[in-house]
């Protein structure tokens, strides 16, 4: 039961803006509507926060992957590329 509620909440509020206070407020609304029992609050809030955190992590990974792919397509030097070139320059300067 909590899983379907979690998905609805995350879709409605967005995983990025979920806080413990919001999760508790959502739970209290469900109690008022008679959709959940009051004694299940800690499990509901914990499950909702874990689900929100997982969604945030997945979104961060997706964004990070997309940015990395974009950099490859437009051929922008990465910090690793610059470090590699600096090492080569240092080696060349040491040979002189």
PDB file of N, CA and C in Angstrom:
ATOM      1  N   UNK A   1       0.812  -1.195   0.000  1.00  0.00           N
ATOM      2  CA  UNK A   1       0.000   0.000   0.000  1.00  0.00           C
ATOM      3  C   UNK A   1       0.854   1.256   0.000  1.00  0.00           C
ATOM      4  N   UNK A   2       1.916   1.279   0.836  1.00  0.00           N
ATOM      5  CA  UNK A   2       2.766   2.452   0.894  1.00  0.00           C
ATOM      6  C   UNK A   2       3.460   2.720  -0.432  1.00  0.00           C
ATOM      7  N   UNK A   3       3.789   1.657  -1.167  1.00  0.00           N
ATOM      8  CA  UNK A   3       4.511   1.831  -2.421  1.00  0.00           C
ATOM      9  C   UNK A   3       3.700   2.655  -3.411  1.00  0.00           C
ATOM     10  N   UNK A   4       2.418   2.373  -3.565  1.00  0.00           N
ATOM     11  CA  UNK A   4       1.602   3.138  -4.501  1.00  0.00           C
ATOM     12  C   UNK A   4       1.399   4.564  -4.009  1.00  0.00           C
ATOM     13  N   UNK A   5       1.255   4.733  -2.707  1.00  0.00           N
ATOM     14  CA  UNK A   5       1.121   6.079  -2.151  1.00  0.00           C
ATOM     15  C   UNK A   5       2.409   6.861  -2.366  1.00  0.00           C
ATOM     16  N   UNK A   6       3.551   6.202  -2.134  1.00  0.00           N
ATOM     17  CA  UNK A   6       4.851   6.853  -2.347  1.00  0.00           C
ATOM     18  C   UNK A   6       4.962   7.371  -3.766  1.00  0.00           C
ATOM     19  N   UNK A   7       4.601   6.545  -4.717  1.00  0.00           N
ATOM     20  CA  UNK A   7       4.726   6.935  -6.120  1.00  0.00           C
ATOM     21  C   UNK A   7       3.825   8.123  -6.436  1.00  0.00           C
ATOM     22  N   UNK A   8       2.627   8.111  -5.888  1.00  0.00           N
ATOM     23  CA  UNK A   8       1.729   9.243  -6.100  1.00  0.00           C
ATOM     24  C   UNK A   8       2.294  10.524  -5.486  1.00  0.00           C
ATOM     25  N   UNK A   9       2.833  10.402  -4.295  1.00  0.00           N
ATOM     26  CA  UNK A   9       3.386  11.569  -3.617  1.00  0.00           C
ATOM     27  C   UNK A   9       4.590  12.136  -4.371  1.00  0.00           C
ATOM     28  N   UNK A  10       5.468  11.237  -4.785  1.00  0.00           N
ATOM     29  CA  UNK A  10       6.653  11.692  -5.500  1.00  0.00           C
ATOM     30  C   UNK A  10       6.285  12.330  -6.823  1.00  0.00           C
ATOM     31  N   UNK A  11       5.291  11.799  -7.477  1.00  0.00           N
ATOM     32  CA  UNK A  11       4.853  12.380  -8.741  1.00  0.00           C
ATOM     33  C   UNK A  11       4.227  13.742  -8.496  1.00  0.00           C
ATOM     34  N   UNK A  12       3.444  13.858  -7.427  1.00  0.00           N
ATOM     35  CA  UNK A  12       2.748  15.106  -7.148  1.00  0.00           C
ATOM     36  C   UNK A  12       3.659  16.198  -6.629  1.00  0.00           C
ATOM     37  N   UNK A  13       4.572  15.864  -5.760  1.00  0.00           N
ATOM     38  CA  UNK A  13       5.418  16.873  -5.130  1.00  0.00           C
ATOM     39  C   UNK A  13       6.787  17.004  -5.776  1.00  0.00           C
ATOM     40  N   UNK A  14       7.230  15.950  -6.390  1.00  0.00           N
ATOM     41  CA  UNK A  14       8.574  15.957  -6.953  1.00  0.00           C
ATOM     42  C   UNK A  14       9.568  15.484  -5.922  1.00  0.00           C
ATOM     43  N   UNK A  15      10.388  14.538  -6.309  1.00  0.00           N
ATOM     44  CA  UNK A  15      11.354  13.951  -5.376  1.00  0.00           C
ATOM     45  C   UNK A  15      12.370  14.965  -4.902  1.00  0.00           C
ATOM     46  N   UNK A  16      12.616  15.983  -5.673  1.00  0.00           N
ATOM     47  CA  UNK A  16      13.653  16.936  -5.304  1.00  0.00           C
ATOM     48  C   UNK A  16      13.245  17.845  -4.159  1.00  0.00           C
ATOM     49  N   UNK A  17      11.956  18.002  -3.949  1.00  0.00           N
ATOM     50  CA  UNK A  17      11.520  18.932  -2.911  1.00  0.00           C
ATOM     51  C   UNK A  17      10.968  18.222  -1.672  1.00  0.00           C
ATOM     52  N   UNK A  18      11.149  16.918  -1.570  1.00  0.00           N
ATOM     53  CA  UNK A  18      10.597  16.174  -0.435  1.00  0.00           C
ATOM     54  C   UNK A  18      11.429  16.417   0.820  1.00  0.00           C
ATOM     55  N   UNK A  19      10.743  16.787   1.889  1.00  0.00           N
ATOM     56  CA  UNK A  19      11.376  16.922   3.194  1.00  0.00           C
ATOM     57  C   UNK A  19      10.590  16.072   4.183  1.00  0.00           C
ATOM     58  N   UNK A  20      11.180  15.835   5.337  1.00  0.00           N
ATOM     59  CA  UNK A  20      10.501  15.037   6.352  1.00  0.00           C
ATOM     60  C   UNK A  20       9.199  15.719   6.770  1.00  0.00           C
ATOM     61  N   UNK A  21       9.240  17.035   6.900  1.00  0.00           N
ATOM     62  CA  UNK A  21       8.046  17.772   7.305  1.00  0.00           C
ATOM     63  C   UNK A  21       6.935  17.617   6.265  1.00  0.00           C
ATOM     64  N   UNK A  22       7.288  17.681   4.987  1.00  0.00           N
ATOM     65  CA  UNK A  22       6.287  17.506   3.937  1.00  0.00           C
ATOM     66  C   UNK A  22       5.721  16.090   3.961  1.00  0.00           C
ATOM     67  N   UNK A  23       6.589  15.107   4.160  1.00  0.00           N
ATOM     68  CA  UNK A  23       6.142  13.717   4.209  1.00  0.00           C
ATOM     69  C   UNK A  23       5.170  13.515   5.375  1.00  0.00           C
ATOM     70  N   UNK A  24       5.485  14.119   6.521  1.00  0.00           N
ATOM     71  CA  UNK A  24       4.603  13.998   7.676  1.00  0.00           C
ATOM     72  C   UNK A  24       3.263  14.689   7.415  1.00  0.00           C
ATOM     73  N   UNK A  25       3.305  15.822   6.758  1.00  0.00           N
ATOM     74  CA  UNK A  25       2.078  16.545   6.432  1.00  0.00           C
ATOM     75  C   UNK A  25       1.207  15.726   5.468  1.00  0.00           C
ATOM     76  N   UNK A  26       1.846  15.114   4.494  1.00  0.00           N
ATOM     77  CA  UNK A  26       1.129  14.255   3.540  1.00  0.00           C
ATOM     78  C   UNK A  26       0.472  13.099   4.286  1.00  0.00           C
ATOM     79  N   UNK A  27       1.239  12.496   5.197  1.00  0.00           N
ATOM     80  CA  UNK A  27       0.705  11.379   5.969  1.00  0.00           C
ATOM     81  C   UNK A  27      -0.516  11.824   6.771  1.00  0.00           C
ATOM     82  N   UNK A  28      -0.411  12.974   7.416  1.00  0.00           N
ATOM     83  CA  UNK A  28      -1.528  13.477   8.220  1.00  0.00           C
ATOM     84  C   UNK A  28      -2.775  13.681   7.366  1.00  0.00           C
ATOM     85  N   UNK A  29      -2.587  14.125   6.125  1.00  0.00           N
ATOM     86  CA  UNK A  29      -3.723  14.280   5.208  1.00  0.00           C
ATOM     87  C   UNK A  29      -4.356  12.922   4.894  1.00  0.00           C
ATOM     88  N   UNK A  30      -3.535  11.916   4.689  1.00  0.00           N
ATOM     89  CA  UNK A  30      -4.054  10.567   4.430  1.00  0.00           C
ATOM     90  C   UNK A  30      -4.807  10.020   5.637  1.00  0.00           C
ATOM     91  N   UNK A  31      -4.326  10.322   6.846  1.00  0.00           N
ATOM     92  CA  UNK A  31      -5.015   9.883   8.062  1.00  0.00           C
ATOM     93  C   UNK A  31      -6.392  10.546   8.125  1.00  0.00           C
ATOM     94  N   UNK A  32      -6.439  11.852   7.840  1.00  0.00           N
ATOM     95  CA  UNK A  32      -7.716  12.568   7.869  1.00  0.00           C
ATOM     96  C   UNK A  32      -8.715  11.968   6.883  1.00  0.00           C
ATOM     97  N   UNK A  33      -8.205  11.550   5.720  1.00  0.00           N
ATOM     98  CA  UNK A  33      -9.077  10.968   4.697  1.00  0.00           C
ATOM     99  C   UNK A  33      -9.413   9.510   4.995  1.00  0.00           C
ATOM    100  N   UNK A  34      -8.776   8.943   6.000  1.00  0.00           N
ATOM    101  CA  UNK A  34      -9.035   7.558   6.371  1.00  0.00           C
ATOM    102  C   UNK A  34      -8.333   6.551   5.475  1.00  0.00           C
ATOM    103  N   UNK A  35      -7.305   6.995   4.745  1.00  0.00           N
ATOM    104  CA  UNK A  35      -6.611   6.101   3.819  1.00  0.00           C
ATOM    105  C   UNK A  35      -5.462   5.334   4.475  1.00  0.00           C
ATOM    106  N   UNK A  36      -5.006   5.817   5.636  1.00  0.00           N
ATOM    107  CA  UNK A  36      -3.929   5.128   6.359  1.00  0.00           C
ATOM    108  C   UNK A  36      -4.206   5.213   7.853  1.00  0.00           C
ATOM    109  N   UNK A  37      -3.616   4.274   8.583  1.00  0.00           N
ATOM    110  CA  UNK A  37      -3.767   4.267  10.034  1.00  0.00           C
ATOM    111  C   UNK A  37      -2.681   5.124  10.670  1.00  0.00           C
ATOM    112  N   UNK A  38      -3.054   5.859  11.694  1.00  0.00           N
ATOM    113  CA  UNK A  38      -2.155   6.813  12.333  1.00  0.00           C
ATOM    114  C   UNK A  38      -0.870   6.169  12.863  1.00  0.00           C
ATOM    115  N   UNK A  39      -0.946   4.911  13.329  1.00  0.00           N
ATOM    116  CA  UNK A  39       0.221   4.259  13.920  1.00  0.00           C
ATOM    117  C   UNK A  39       1.253   3.828  12.884  1.00  0.00           C
ATOM    118  N   UNK A  40       1.017   4.042  11.612  1.00  0.00           N
ATOM    119  CA  UNK A  40       1.952   3.653  10.548  1.00  0.00           C
ATOM    120  C   UNK A  40       2.821   4.828  10.092  1.00  0.00           C
ATOM    121  N   UNK A  41       2.772   5.938  10.814  1.00  0.00           N
ATOM    122  CA  UNK A  41       3.428   7.175  10.384  1.00  0.00           C
ATOM    123  C   UNK A  41       4.935   7.026  10.173  1.00  0.00           C
ATOM    124  N   UNK A  42       5.634   6.442  11.143  1.00  0.00           N
ATOM    125  CA  UNK A  42       7.101   6.381  11.026  1.00  0.00           C
ATOM    126  C   UNK A  42       7.526   5.562   9.812  1.00  0.00           C
ATOM    127  N   UNK A  43       6.837   4.449   9.557  1.00  0.00           N
ATOM    128  CA  UNK A  43       7.168   3.633   8.387  1.00  0.00           C
ATOM    129  C   UNK A  43       6.867   4.351   7.093  1.00  0.00           C
ATOM    130  N   UNK A  44       5.749   5.041   7.059  1.00  0.00           N
ATOM    131  CA  UNK A  44       5.354   5.794   5.870  1.00  0.00           C
ATOM    132  C   UNK A  44       6.384   6.878   5.558  1.00  0.00           C
ATOM    133  N   UNK A  45       6.714   7.675   6.573  1.00  0.00           N
ATOM    134  CA  UNK A  45       7.665   8.779   6.377  1.00  0.00           C
ATOM    135  C   UNK A  45       9.022   8.235   5.972  1.00  0.00           C
ATOM    136  N   UNK A  46       9.481   7.184   6.639  1.00  0.00           N
ATOM    137  CA  UNK A  46      10.782   6.588   6.315  1.00  0.00           C
ATOM    138  C   UNK A  46      10.796   6.077   4.876  1.00  0.00           C
ATOM    139  N   UNK A  47       9.761   5.335   4.497  1.00  0.00           N
ATOM    140  CA  UNK A  47       9.681   4.793   3.137  1.00  0.00           C
ATOM    141  C   UNK A  47       9.625   5.908   2.099  1.00  0.00           C
ATOM    142  N   UNK A  48       8.855   6.938   2.388  1.00  0.00           N
ATOM    143  CA  UNK A  48       8.721   8.046   1.456  1.00  0.00           C
ATOM    144  C   UNK A  48      10.038   8.799   1.294  1.00  0.00           C
ATOM    145  N   UNK A  49      10.746   9.025   2.398  1.00  0.00           N
ATOM    146  CA  UNK A  49      12.035   9.724   2.341  1.00  0.00           C
ATOM    147  C   UNK A  49      13.079   8.887   1.603  1.00  0.00           C
ATOM    148  N   UNK A  50      13.090   7.574   1.833  1.00  0.00           N
ATOM    149  CA  UNK A  50      14.028   6.699   1.127  1.00  0.00           C
ATOM    150  C   UNK A  50      13.739   6.697  -0.368  1.00  0.00           C
ATOM    151  N   UNK A  51      12.470   6.656  -0.708  1.00  0.00           N
ATOM    152  CA  UNK A  51      12.077   6.672  -2.118  1.00  0.00           C
ATOM    153  C   UNK A  51      12.464   7.998  -2.770  1.00  0.00           C
ATOM    154  N   UNK A  52      12.251   9.096  -2.056  1.00  0.00           N
ATOM    155  CA  UNK A  52      12.622  10.415  -2.577  1.00  0.00           C
ATOM    156  C   UNK A  52      14.136  10.507  -2.759  1.00  0.00           C
ATOM    157  N   UNK A  53      14.891   9.980  -1.791  1.00  0.00           N
ATOM    158  CA  UNK A  53      16.348  10.016  -1.880  1.00  0.00           C
ATOM    159  C   UNK A  53      16.840   9.195  -3.073  1.00  0.00           C
ATOM    160  N   UNK A  54      16.243   8.030  -3.262  1.00  0.00           N
ATOM    161  CA  UNK A  54      16.617   7.182  -4.397  1.00  0.00           C
ATOM    162  C   UNK A  54      16.318   7.900  -5.718  1.00  0.00           C
ATOM    163  N   UNK A  55      15.178   8.541  -5.797  1.00  0.00           N
ATOM    164  CA  UNK A  55      14.819   9.284  -7.010  1.00  0.00           C
ATOM    165  C   UNK A  55      15.791  10.426  -7.265  1.00  0.00           C
ATOM    166  N   UNK A  56      16.178  11.128  -6.193  1.00  0.00           N
ATOM    167  CA  UNK A  56      17.162  12.217  -6.329  1.00  0.00           C
ATOM    168  C   UNK A  56      18.485  11.686  -6.870  1.00  0.00           C
ATOM    169  N   UNK A  57      18.936  10.562  -6.310  1.00  0.00           N
ATOM    170  CA  UNK A  57      20.206   9.979  -6.745  1.00  0.00           C
ATOM    171  C   UNK A  57      20.142   9.557  -8.215  1.00  0.00           C
ATOM    172  N   UNK A  58      19.028   8.959  -8.608  1.00  0.00           N
ATOM    173  CA  UNK A  58      18.870   8.546 -10.002  1.00  0.00           C
ATOM    174  C   UNK A  58      18.858   9.757 -10.928  1.00  0.00           C
ATOM    175  N   UNK A  59      18.187  10.826 -10.511  1.00  0.00           N
ATOM    176  CA  UNK A  59      18.150  12.043 -11.316  1.00  0.00           C
ATOM    177  C   UNK A  59      19.536  12.656 -11.431  1.00  0.00           C
ATOM    178  N   UNK A  60      20.273  12.723 -10.326  1.00  0.00           N
ATOM    179  CA  UNK A  60      21.631  13.268 -10.358  1.00  0.00           C
ATOM    180  C   UNK A  60      22.525  12.472 -11.305  1.00  0.00           C
ATOM    181  N   UNK A  61      22.413  11.146 -11.266  1.00  0.00           N
ATOM    182  CA  UNK A  61      23.215  10.308 -12.147  1.00  0.00           C
ATOM    183  C   UNK A  61      22.839  10.548 -13.604  1.00  0.00           C
ATOM    184  N   UNK A  62      21.546  10.626 -13.880  1.00  0.00           N
ATOM    185  CA  UNK A  62      21.084  10.866 -15.244  1.00  0.00           C
ATOM    186  C   UNK A  62      21.598  12.207 -15.768  1.00  0.00           C
ATOM    187  N   UNK A  63      21.492  13.241 -14.951  1.00  0.00           N
ATOM    188  CA  UNK A  63      21.966  14.569 -15.360  1.00  0.00           C
ATOM    189  C   UNK A  63      23.474  14.548 -15.578  1.00  0.00           C
ATOM    190  N   UNK A  64      24.196  13.919 -14.661  1.00  0.00           N
ATOM    191  CA  UNK A  64      25.644  13.831 -14.780  1.00  0.00           C
ATOM    192  C   UNK A  64      26.053  13.104 -16.064  1.00  0.00           C
ATOM    193  N   UNK A  65      25.380  11.996 -16.356  1.00  0.00           N
ATOM    194  CA  UNK A  65      25.671  11.240 -17.583  1.00  0.00           C
ATOM    195  C   UNK A  65      25.375  12.078 -18.826  1.00  0.00           C
ATOM    196  N   UNK A  66      24.278  12.801 -18.804  1.00  0.00           N
ATOM    197  CA  UNK A  66      23.913  13.630 -19.952  1.00  0.00           C
ATOM    198  C   UNK A  66      24.913  14.763 -20.158  1.00  0.00           C
ATOM    199  N   UNK A  67      25.366  15.374 -19.085  1.00  0.00           N
ATOM    200  CA  UNK A  67      26.362  16.444 -19.189  1.00  0.00           C
ATOM    201  C   UNK A  67      27.663  15.889 -19.750  1.00  0.00           C
ATOM    202  N   UNK A  68      28.086  14.730 -19.263  1.00  0.00           N
ATOM    203  CA  UNK A  68      29.324  14.108 -19.753  1.00  0.00           C
ATOM    204  C   UNK A  68      29.210  13.789 -21.242  1.00  0.00           C
ATOM    205  N   UNK A  69      28.073  13.267 -21.662  1.00  0.00           N
ATOM    206  CA  UNK A  69      27.870  12.972 -23.086  1.00  0.00           C
ATOM    207  C   UNK A  69      27.891  14.248 -23.920  1.00  0.00           C
ATOM    208  N   UNK A  70      27.303  15.309 -23.385  1.00  0.00           N
ATOM    209  CA  UNK A  70      27.291  16.586 -24.104  1.00  0.00           C
ATOM    210  C   UNK A  70      28.709  17.124 -24.268  1.00  0.00           C
ATOM    211  N   UNK A  71      29.519  17.032 -23.205  1.00  0.00           N
ATOM    212  CA  UNK A  71      30.899  17.492 -23.296  1.00  0.00           C
ATOM    213  C   UNK A  71      31.683  16.706 -24.341  1.00  0.00           C
ATOM    214  N   UNK A  72      31.444  15.415 -24.416  1.00  0.00           N
ATOM    215  CA  UNK A  72      32.139  14.601 -25.413  1.00  0.00           C
ATOM    216  C   UNK A  72      31.746  15.016 -26.824  1.00  0.00           C
ATOM    217  N   UNK A  73      30.475  15.306 -27.015  1.00  0.00           N
ATOM    218  CA  UNK A  73      29.995  15.682 -28.342  1.00  0.00           C
ATOM    219  C   UNK A  73      30.573  17.013 -28.804  1.00  0.00           C
ATOM    220  N   UNK A  74      30.719  17.958 -27.889  1.00  0.00           N
ATOM    221  CA  UNK A  74      31.232  19.271 -28.301  1.00  0.00           C
ATOM    222  C   UNK A  74      32.735  19.402 -28.080  1.00  0.00           C
ATOM    223  N   UNK A  75      33.341  18.320 -27.650  1.00  0.00           N
ATOM    224  CA  UNK A  75      34.791  18.205 -27.519  1.00  0.00           C
ATOM    225  C   UNK A  75      35.417  19.281 -26.626  1.00  0.00           C
ATOM    226  N   UNK A  76      34.884  19.404 -25.433  1.00  0.00           N
ATOM    227  CA  UNK A  76      35.459  20.294 -24.430  1.00  0.00           C
ATOM    228  C   UNK A  76      36.464  19.479 -23.619  1.00  0.00           C
ATOM    229  N   UNK A  77      37.622  20.077 -23.360  1.00  0.00           N
ATOM    230  CA  UNK A  77      38.652  19.379 -22.596  1.00  0.00           C
ATOM    231  C   UNK A  77      38.186  19.163 -21.159  1.00  0.00           C
ATOM    232  N   UNK A  78      38.424  17.956 -20.672  1.00  0.00           N
ATOM    233  CA  UNK A  78      38.095  17.647 -19.287  1.00  0.00           C
ATOM    234  C   UNK A  78      39.296  17.962 -18.407  1.00  0.00           C
ATOM    235  N   UNK A  79      39.103  17.928 -17.110  1.00  0.00           N
ATOM    236  CA  UNK A  79      40.218  18.175 -16.191  1.00  0.00           C
ATOM    237  C   UNK A  79      41.290  17.101 -16.366  1.00  0.00           C
ATOM    238  N   UNK A  80      40.883  15.874 -16.698  1.00  0.00           N
ATOM    239  CA  UNK A  80      41.848  14.800 -16.940  1.00  0.00           C
ATOM    240  C   UNK A  80      42.681  15.106 -18.192  1.00  0.00           C
ATOM    241  N   UNK A  81      42.020  15.627 -19.231  1.00  0.00           N
ATOM    242  CA  UNK A  81      42.744  15.999 -20.451  1.00  0.00           C
ATOM    243  C   UNK A  81      43.789  17.070 -20.150  1.00  0.00           C
ATOM    244  N   UNK A  82      43.408  18.058 -19.382  1.00  0.00           N
ATOM    245  CA  UNK A  82      44.324  19.160 -19.049  1.00  0.00           C
ATOM    246  C   UNK A  82      45.481  18.651 -18.203  1.00  0.00           C
ATOM    247  N   UNK A  83      45.203  17.783 -17.240  1.00  0.00           N
ATOM    248  CA  UNK A  83      46.275  17.211 -16.413  1.00  0.00           C
ATOM    249  C   UNK A  83      47.253  16.412 -17.268  1.00  0.00           C
ATOM    250  N   UNK A  84      46.722  15.638 -18.212  1.00  0.00           N
ATOM    251  CA  UNK A  84      47.568  14.833 -19.100  1.00  0.00           C
ATOM    252  C   UNK A  84      48.482  15.750 -19.931  1.00  0.00           C
ATOM    253  N   UNK A  85      47.933  16.825 -20.452  1.00  0.00           N
ATOM    254  CA  UNK A  85      48.722  17.760 -21.261  1.00  0.00           C
ATOM    255  C   UNK A  85      49.767  18.461 -20.395  1.00  0.00           C
ATOM    256  N   UNK A  86      49.388  18.845 -19.187  1.00  0.00           N
ATOM    257  CA  UNK A  86      50.346  19.496 -18.284  1.00  0.00           C
ATOM    258  C   UNK A  86      51.521  18.572 -17.969  1.00  0.00           C
ATOM    259  N   UNK A  87      51.244  17.293 -17.770  1.00  0.00           N
ATOM    260  CA  UNK A  87      52.316  16.330 -17.491  1.00  0.00           C
ATOM    261  C   UNK A  87      53.257  16.214 -18.690  1.00  0.00           C
ATOM    262  N   UNK A  88      52.682  16.209 -19.892  1.00  0.00           N
ATOM    263  CA  UNK A  88      53.517  16.138 -21.088  1.00  0.00           C
ATOM    264  C   UNK A  88      54.386  17.383 -21.213  1.00  0.00           C
ATOM    265  N   UNK A  89      53.817  18.536 -20.929  1.00  0.00           N
ATOM    266  CA  UNK A  89      54.589  19.780 -20.993  1.00  0.00           C
ATOM    267  C   UNK A  89      55.710  19.751 -19.967  1.00  0.00           C
ATOM    268  N   UNK A  90      55.394  19.303 -18.763  1.00  0.00           N
ATOM    269  CA  UNK A  90      56.424  19.209 -17.713  1.00  0.00           C
ATOM    270  C   UNK A  90      57.551  18.276 -18.142  1.00  0.00           C
ATOM    271  N   UNK A  91      57.203  17.145 -18.763  1.00  0.00           N
ATOM    272  CA  UNK A  91      58.238  16.220 -19.227  1.00  0.00           C
ATOM    273  C   UNK A  91      59.102  16.860 -20.316  1.00  0.00           C
ATOM    274  N   UNK A  92      58.484  17.583 -21.205  1.00  0.00           N
ATOM    275  CA  UNK A  92      59.227  18.249 -22.268  1.00  0.00           C
ATOM    276  C   UNK A  92      60.142  19.324 -21.692  1.00  0.00           C
ATOM    277  N   UNK A  93      59.666  20.073 -20.729  1.00  0.00           N
ATOM    278  CA  UNK A  93      60.481  21.126 -20.111  1.00  0.00           C
ATOM    279  C   UNK A  93      61.647  20.529 -19.315  1.00  0.00           C
ATOM    280  N   UNK A  94      61.422  19.367 -18.708  1.00  0.00           N
ATOM    281  CA  UNK A  94      62.489  18.701 -17.955  1.00  0.00           C
ATOM    282  C   UNK A  94      63.592  18.200 -18.864  1.00  0.00           C
ATOM    283  N   UNK A  95      63.267  17.875 -20.123  1.00  0.00           N
ATOM    284  CA  UNK A  95      64.257  17.367 -21.064  1.00  0.00           C
ATOM    285  C   UNK A  95      65.208  18.461 -21.526  1.00  0.00           C
ATOM    286  N   UNK A  96      64.800  19.689 -21.427  1.00  0.00           N
ATOM    287  CA  UNK A  96      65.647  20.786 -21.927  1.00  0.00           C
ATOM    288  C   UNK A  96      66.801  21.080 -21.055  1.00  0.00           C
TER     289      UNK A  96
END
